[in-house]
Amino acid sequence: MRNKGGLTSWEEFEKNMLEQFPFLPKNFTQVNPAKNLSWVGDYVQKQLQKSMPADFKIPIFNDNTGNYELHETHRSLIVRLPVSDHFELDHTKISVNRNKLRIVLPSGEKQEIQLKKQVNPKQTRAKYKEGILEIQMPKMPESQNFHDVFVESENEE
């Protein structure tokens, strides 16, 4: 059934899209695209794996330009970083100093994140669950950001 502009009904459009693009979720028109488009990245990664030579490196970070969330609570900074299915937890190095977080993968790919506040590196913890790497870094108390400096006098008295 066509309307005045020659377009087909919405249901017909959905049916045609699903026939042409079988990787689309069955409810793709009802999904809020701003919420979660991870299925697009997953599909592209799978297609690249199928079509590229075996020695071709596929990025582990879903987006190396800053695809992470940085949250601040009253006690901690929390970084949540989505990683692909190829993420190797055992061979990944996570380092932190008071101002910066660094994640280095076995392939040499790395991501550095500048932190908004100073954190305590020794108390930093990380966990990986369902494609998300989460790093929790306790903030340094404001009083510990400064150290007293003693001044020696060279004046003779």
Foldseek 3Di string as FASTA:
>chain_A
DADPVRDDDPVVVLVVVCVVPVLAPSPNVVDDVVPDPVSVLVVVVVVCCVPDDPPDDDAFFSDQPDQWDWDDDPWKIKIKGFTDPPADPVQWDWFDAQFKIKIAGPVRDIHMDGDPAGFDRVPKDWDDDDRIIMIITTGDPPVVVDDDDDDDDPDDD
